[in-house]
């Protein structure tokens, strides 16, 4: 698989994402449901703590990817839904830290009224390819 970043501007690179990616020669595509801060029984964790919820959401995404023999390096699109965009941006740097600077993704950040459970603050919706 080949990924080519398409960026008419350089500012997204500083935030760890691309405006677009051209994906060619991939074999498999994994389309993931939103991953949020729930435990193995589906119970919301870390109420009111955006940083902890973002970490657990990433952990849950990595677990899902692993079941498909993929990693965060395979993620090409990561949409982020949040009930508090400003607080999410306070912790945004955690995403490129976890993904690594060489594994950028395309993204949209959407501010929403609430998620499935009232205590949830962030949800990650990913597409991965290999």
C-alpha atoms as a PDB file:
ATOM      1  CA  UNK A   1       0.000   0.000   0.000  1.00  0.00           C
ATOM      2  CA  UNK A   2       1.178   3.505  -0.786  1.00  0.00           C
ATOM      3  CA  UNK A   3       0.022   6.636   1.025  1.00  0.00           C
ATOM      4  CA  UNK A   4       0.697  10.063  -0.411  1.00  0.00           C
ATOM      5  CA  UNK A   5      -0.028  13.129   1.686  1.00  0.00           C
ATOM      6  CA  UNK A   6      -1.923  15.859  -0.173  1.00  0.00           C
ATOM      7  CA  UNK A   7      -1.517  19.205   1.589  1.00  0.00           C
ATOM      8  CA  UNK A   8      -1.945  22.521  -0.189  1.00  0.00           C
ATOM      9  CA  UNK A   9      -0.930  24.201   3.114  1.00  0.00           C
ATOM     10  CA  UNK A  10       1.595  23.242   5.760  1.00  0.00           C
ATOM     11  CA  UNK A  11      -0.326  24.173   8.939  1.00  0.00           C
ATOM     12  CA  UNK A  12      -2.049  20.758   9.351  1.00  0.00           C
ATOM     13  CA  UNK A  13       1.336  19.042   9.560  1.00  0.00           C
ATOM     14  CA  UNK A  14       2.061  20.950  12.775  1.00  0.00           C
ATOM     15  CA  UNK A  15      -1.095  19.407  14.259  1.00  0.00           C
ATOM     16  CA  UNK A  16      -0.270  15.880  13.079  1.00  0.00           C
ATOM     17  CA  UNK A  17      -2.739  15.387  10.231  1.00  0.00           C
ATOM     18  CA  UNK A  18      -3.061  15.778   6.459  1.00  0.00           C
ATOM     19  CA  UNK A  19      -5.731  17.566   4.446  1.00  0.00           C
ATOM     20  CA  UNK A  20      -6.017  14.444   2.272  1.00  0.00           C
ATOM     21  CA  UNK A  21      -4.210  11.205   1.551  1.00  0.00           C
ATOM     22  CA  UNK A  22      -4.105   9.339  -1.736  1.00  0.00           C
ATOM     23  CA  UNK A  23      -4.185   5.608  -0.937  1.00  0.00           C
ATOM     24  CA  UNK A  24      -3.159   3.177  -3.665  1.00  0.00           C
ATOM     25  CA  UNK A  25      -2.513  -0.540  -3.755  1.00  0.00           C
ATOM     26  CA  UNK A  26      -4.243  -1.456  -0.510  1.00  0.00           C
ATOM     27  CA  UNK A  27      -5.631  -4.942   0.091  1.00  0.00           C
ATOM     28  CA  UNK A  28      -7.942  -4.515   3.069  1.00  0.00           C
ATOM     29  CA  UNK A  29     -10.022  -1.729   4.529  1.00  0.00           C
ATOM     30  CA  UNK A  30     -11.302  -1.707   8.107  1.00  0.00           C
ATOM     31  CA  UNK A  31     -14.188   0.662   8.850  1.00  0.00           C
ATOM     32  CA  UNK A  32     -14.554   1.089  12.611  1.00  0.00           C
ATOM     33  CA  UNK A  33     -17.482   2.121  14.724  1.00  0.00           C
ATOM     34  CA  UNK A  34     -16.774   4.967  17.081  1.00  0.00           C
ATOM     35  CA  UNK A  35     -14.460   4.032  19.937  1.00  0.00           C
ATOM     36  CA  UNK A  36     -14.971   5.807  23.209  1.00  0.00           C
ATOM     37  CA  UNK A  37     -13.982   5.541  26.867  1.00  0.00           C
ATOM     38  CA  UNK A  38     -15.823   2.402  27.906  1.00  0.00           C
ATOM     39  CA  UNK A  39     -14.537  -0.708  29.637  1.00  0.00           C
ATOM     40  CA  UNK A  40     -14.886  -4.280  28.337  1.00  0.00           C
ATOM     41  CA  UNK A  41     -18.477  -4.376  29.597  1.00  0.00           C
ATOM     42  CA  UNK A  42     -19.446  -1.123  27.852  1.00  0.00           C
ATOM     43  CA  UNK A  43     -19.451   0.977  31.007  1.00  0.00           C
ATOM     44  CA  UNK A  44     -18.306   4.606  30.588  1.00  0.00           C
ATOM     45  CA  UNK A  45     -15.060   5.446  32.390  1.00  0.00           C
ATOM     46  CA  UNK A  46     -13.392   8.656  33.613  1.00  0.00           C
ATOM     47  CA  UNK A  47     -16.414  11.016  33.767  1.00  0.00           C
ATOM     48  CA  UNK A  48     -15.418  14.628  33.181  1.00  0.00           C
ATOM     49  CA  UNK A  49     -11.778  13.776  32.309  1.00  0.00           C
ATOM     50  CA  UNK A  50     -11.120  14.470  28.617  1.00  0.00           C
ATOM     51  CA  UNK A  51      -7.452  13.389  28.791  1.00  0.00           C
ATOM     52  CA  UNK A  52      -8.257  10.015  30.356  1.00  0.00           C
ATOM     53  CA  UNK A  53     -11.201   9.447  28.002  1.00  0.00           C
ATOM     54  CA  UNK A  54      -9.063  10.251  24.970  1.00  0.00           C
ATOM     55  CA  UNK A  55      -6.410   7.781  26.170  1.00  0.00           C
ATOM     56  CA  UNK A  56      -8.939   4.997  26.763  1.00  0.00           C
ATOM     57  CA  UNK A  57     -10.608   5.683  23.416  1.00  0.00           C
ATOM     58  CA  UNK A  58      -7.205   5.306  21.745  1.00  0.00           C
ATOM     59  CA  UNK A  59      -6.555   2.109  23.731  1.00  0.00           C
ATOM     60  CA  UNK A  60      -9.899   0.721  22.571  1.00  0.00           C
ATOM     61  CA  UNK A  61      -9.158   1.685  18.967  1.00  0.00           C
ATOM     62  CA  UNK A  62      -5.753  -0.023  19.160  1.00  0.00           C
ATOM     63  CA  UNK A  63      -7.378  -3.183  20.549  1.00  0.00           C
ATOM     64  CA  UNK A  64      -9.873  -3.209  17.687  1.00  0.00           C
ATOM     65  CA  UNK A  65      -7.145  -2.658  15.097  1.00  0.00           C
ATOM     66  CA  UNK A  66      -5.064  -5.463  16.597  1.00  0.00           C
ATOM     67  CA  UNK A  67      -7.915  -7.920  16.048  1.00  0.00           C
ATOM     68  CA  UNK A  68      -7.631  -7.121  12.331  1.00  0.00           C
ATOM     69  CA  UNK A  69      -3.801  -7.405  12.427  1.00  0.00           C
ATOM     70  CA  UNK A  70      -3.452  -3.636  12.085  1.00  0.00           C
ATOM     71  CA  UNK A  71      -2.012  -0.783  14.170  1.00  0.00           C
ATOM     72  CA  UNK A  72      -2.493   2.962  14.422  1.00  0.00           C
ATOM     73  CA  UNK A  73      -0.073   3.194  11.474  1.00  0.00           C
ATOM     74  CA  UNK A  74      -2.853   1.757   9.285  1.00  0.00           C
ATOM     75  CA  UNK A  75      -5.363   4.495  10.189  1.00  0.00           C
ATOM     76  CA  UNK A  76      -5.923   6.857   7.271  1.00  0.00           C
ATOM     77  CA  UNK A  77      -9.016   8.675   8.589  1.00  0.00           C
ATOM     78  CA  UNK A  78      -9.816   9.590  12.185  1.00  0.00           C
ATOM     79  CA  UNK A  79     -12.988  11.564  12.792  1.00  0.00           C
ATOM     80  CA  UNK A  80     -13.286  12.941  16.307  1.00  0.00           C
ATOM     81  CA  UNK A  81     -16.652  13.691  17.883  1.00  0.00           C
ATOM     82  CA  UNK A  82     -16.648  15.613  21.141  1.00  0.00           C
ATOM     83  CA  UNK A  83     -18.972  17.409  23.495  1.00  0.00           C
ATOM     84  CA  UNK A  84     -16.228  19.972  24.243  1.00  0.00           C
ATOM     85  CA  UNK A  85     -14.067  21.014  21.281  1.00  0.00           C
ATOM     86  CA  UNK A  86     -11.956  23.456  23.303  1.00  0.00           C
ATOM     87  CA  UNK A  87     -11.086  20.828  25.909  1.00  0.00           C
ATOM     88  CA  UNK A  88     -10.315  18.300  23.166  1.00  0.00           C
ATOM     89  CA  UNK A  89      -7.870  20.759  21.586  1.00  0.00           C
ATOM     90  CA  UNK A  90      -6.175  21.134  24.976  1.00  0.00           C
ATOM     91  CA  UNK A  91      -5.264  17.437  24.639  1.00  0.00           C
ATOM     92  CA  UNK A  92      -4.957  17.203  20.829  1.00  0.00           C
ATOM     93  CA  UNK A  93      -1.162  16.742  20.976  1.00  0.00           C
ATOM     94  CA  UNK A  94      -1.772  13.285  22.423  1.00  0.00           C
ATOM     95  CA  UNK A  95      -3.039  12.069  19.029  1.00  0.00           C
ATOM     96  CA  UNK A  96       0.158  12.671  17.018  1.00  0.00           C
ATOM     97  CA  UNK A  97       2.144  11.422  20.028  1.00  0.00           C
ATOM     98  CA  UNK A  98       0.302   8.094  19.951  1.00  0.00           C
ATOM     99  CA  UNK A  99       0.241   7.825  16.157  1.00  0.00           C
ATOM    100  CA  UNK A 100       3.818   9.012  15.657  1.00  0.00           C
ATOM    101  CA  UNK A 101       4.779  11.923  13.451  1.00  0.00           C
ATOM    102  CA  UNK A 102       5.242   9.660  10.416  1.00  0.00           C
ATOM    103  CA  UNK A 103       1.703   8.214  10.691  1.00  0.00           C
ATOM    104  CA  UNK A 104      -0.575  11.133   9.957  1.00  0.00           C
ATOM    105  CA  UNK A 105      -4.258  10.719   9.164  1.00  0.00           C
ATOM    106  CA  UNK A 106      -7.008  12.868   7.706  1.00  0.00           C
ATOM    107  CA  UNK A 107      -9.548  14.122  10.194  1.00  0.00           C
ATOM    108  CA  UNK A 108     -12.656  16.102  10.948  1.00  0.00           C
ATOM    109  CA  UNK A 109     -13.463  17.353  14.438  1.00  0.00           C
ATOM    110  CA  UNK A 110     -17.142  17.636  15.211  1.00  0.00           C
ATOM    111  CA  UNK A 111     -18.653  19.319  18.248  1.00  0.00           C
ATOM    112  CA  UNK A 112     -21.832  17.554  19.295  1.00  0.00           C
ATOM    113  CA  UNK A 113     -24.411  17.887  22.042  1.00  0.00           C
ATOM    114  CA  UNK A 114     -23.800  14.466  23.576  1.00  0.00           C
ATOM    115  CA  UNK A 115     -22.570  10.952  22.914  1.00  0.00           C
ATOM    116  CA  UNK A 116     -24.373   7.660  23.574  1.00  0.00           C
ATOM    117  CA  UNK A 117     -23.778   7.886  27.325  1.00  0.00           C
ATOM    118  CA  UNK A 118     -24.035  11.288  29.033  1.00  0.00           C
ATOM    119  CA  UNK A 119     -20.623  10.911  30.748  1.00  0.00           C
ATOM    120  CA  UNK A 120     -18.735  10.369  27.490  1.00  0.00           C
ATOM    121  CA  UNK A 121     -16.817  13.353  26.106  1.00  0.00           C
ATOM    122  CA  UNK A 122     -15.013  12.014  23.017  1.00  0.00           C
ATOM    123  CA  UNK A 123     -15.474   9.350  20.336  1.00  0.00           C
ATOM    124  CA  UNK A 124     -12.950   8.281  17.681  1.00  0.00           C
ATOM    125  CA  UNK A 125     -14.204   6.960  14.337  1.00  0.00           C
ATOM    126  CA  UNK A 126     -11.442   5.413  12.230  1.00  0.00           C
ATOM    127  CA  UNK A 127     -10.835   3.915   8.806  1.00  0.00           C
ATOM    128  CA  UNK A 128      -7.707   1.775   8.398  1.00  0.00           C
ATOM    129  CA  UNK A 129      -6.142   0.163   5.350  1.00  0.00           C
ATOM    130  CA  UNK A 130      -3.225  -2.110   4.571  1.00  0.00           C
END
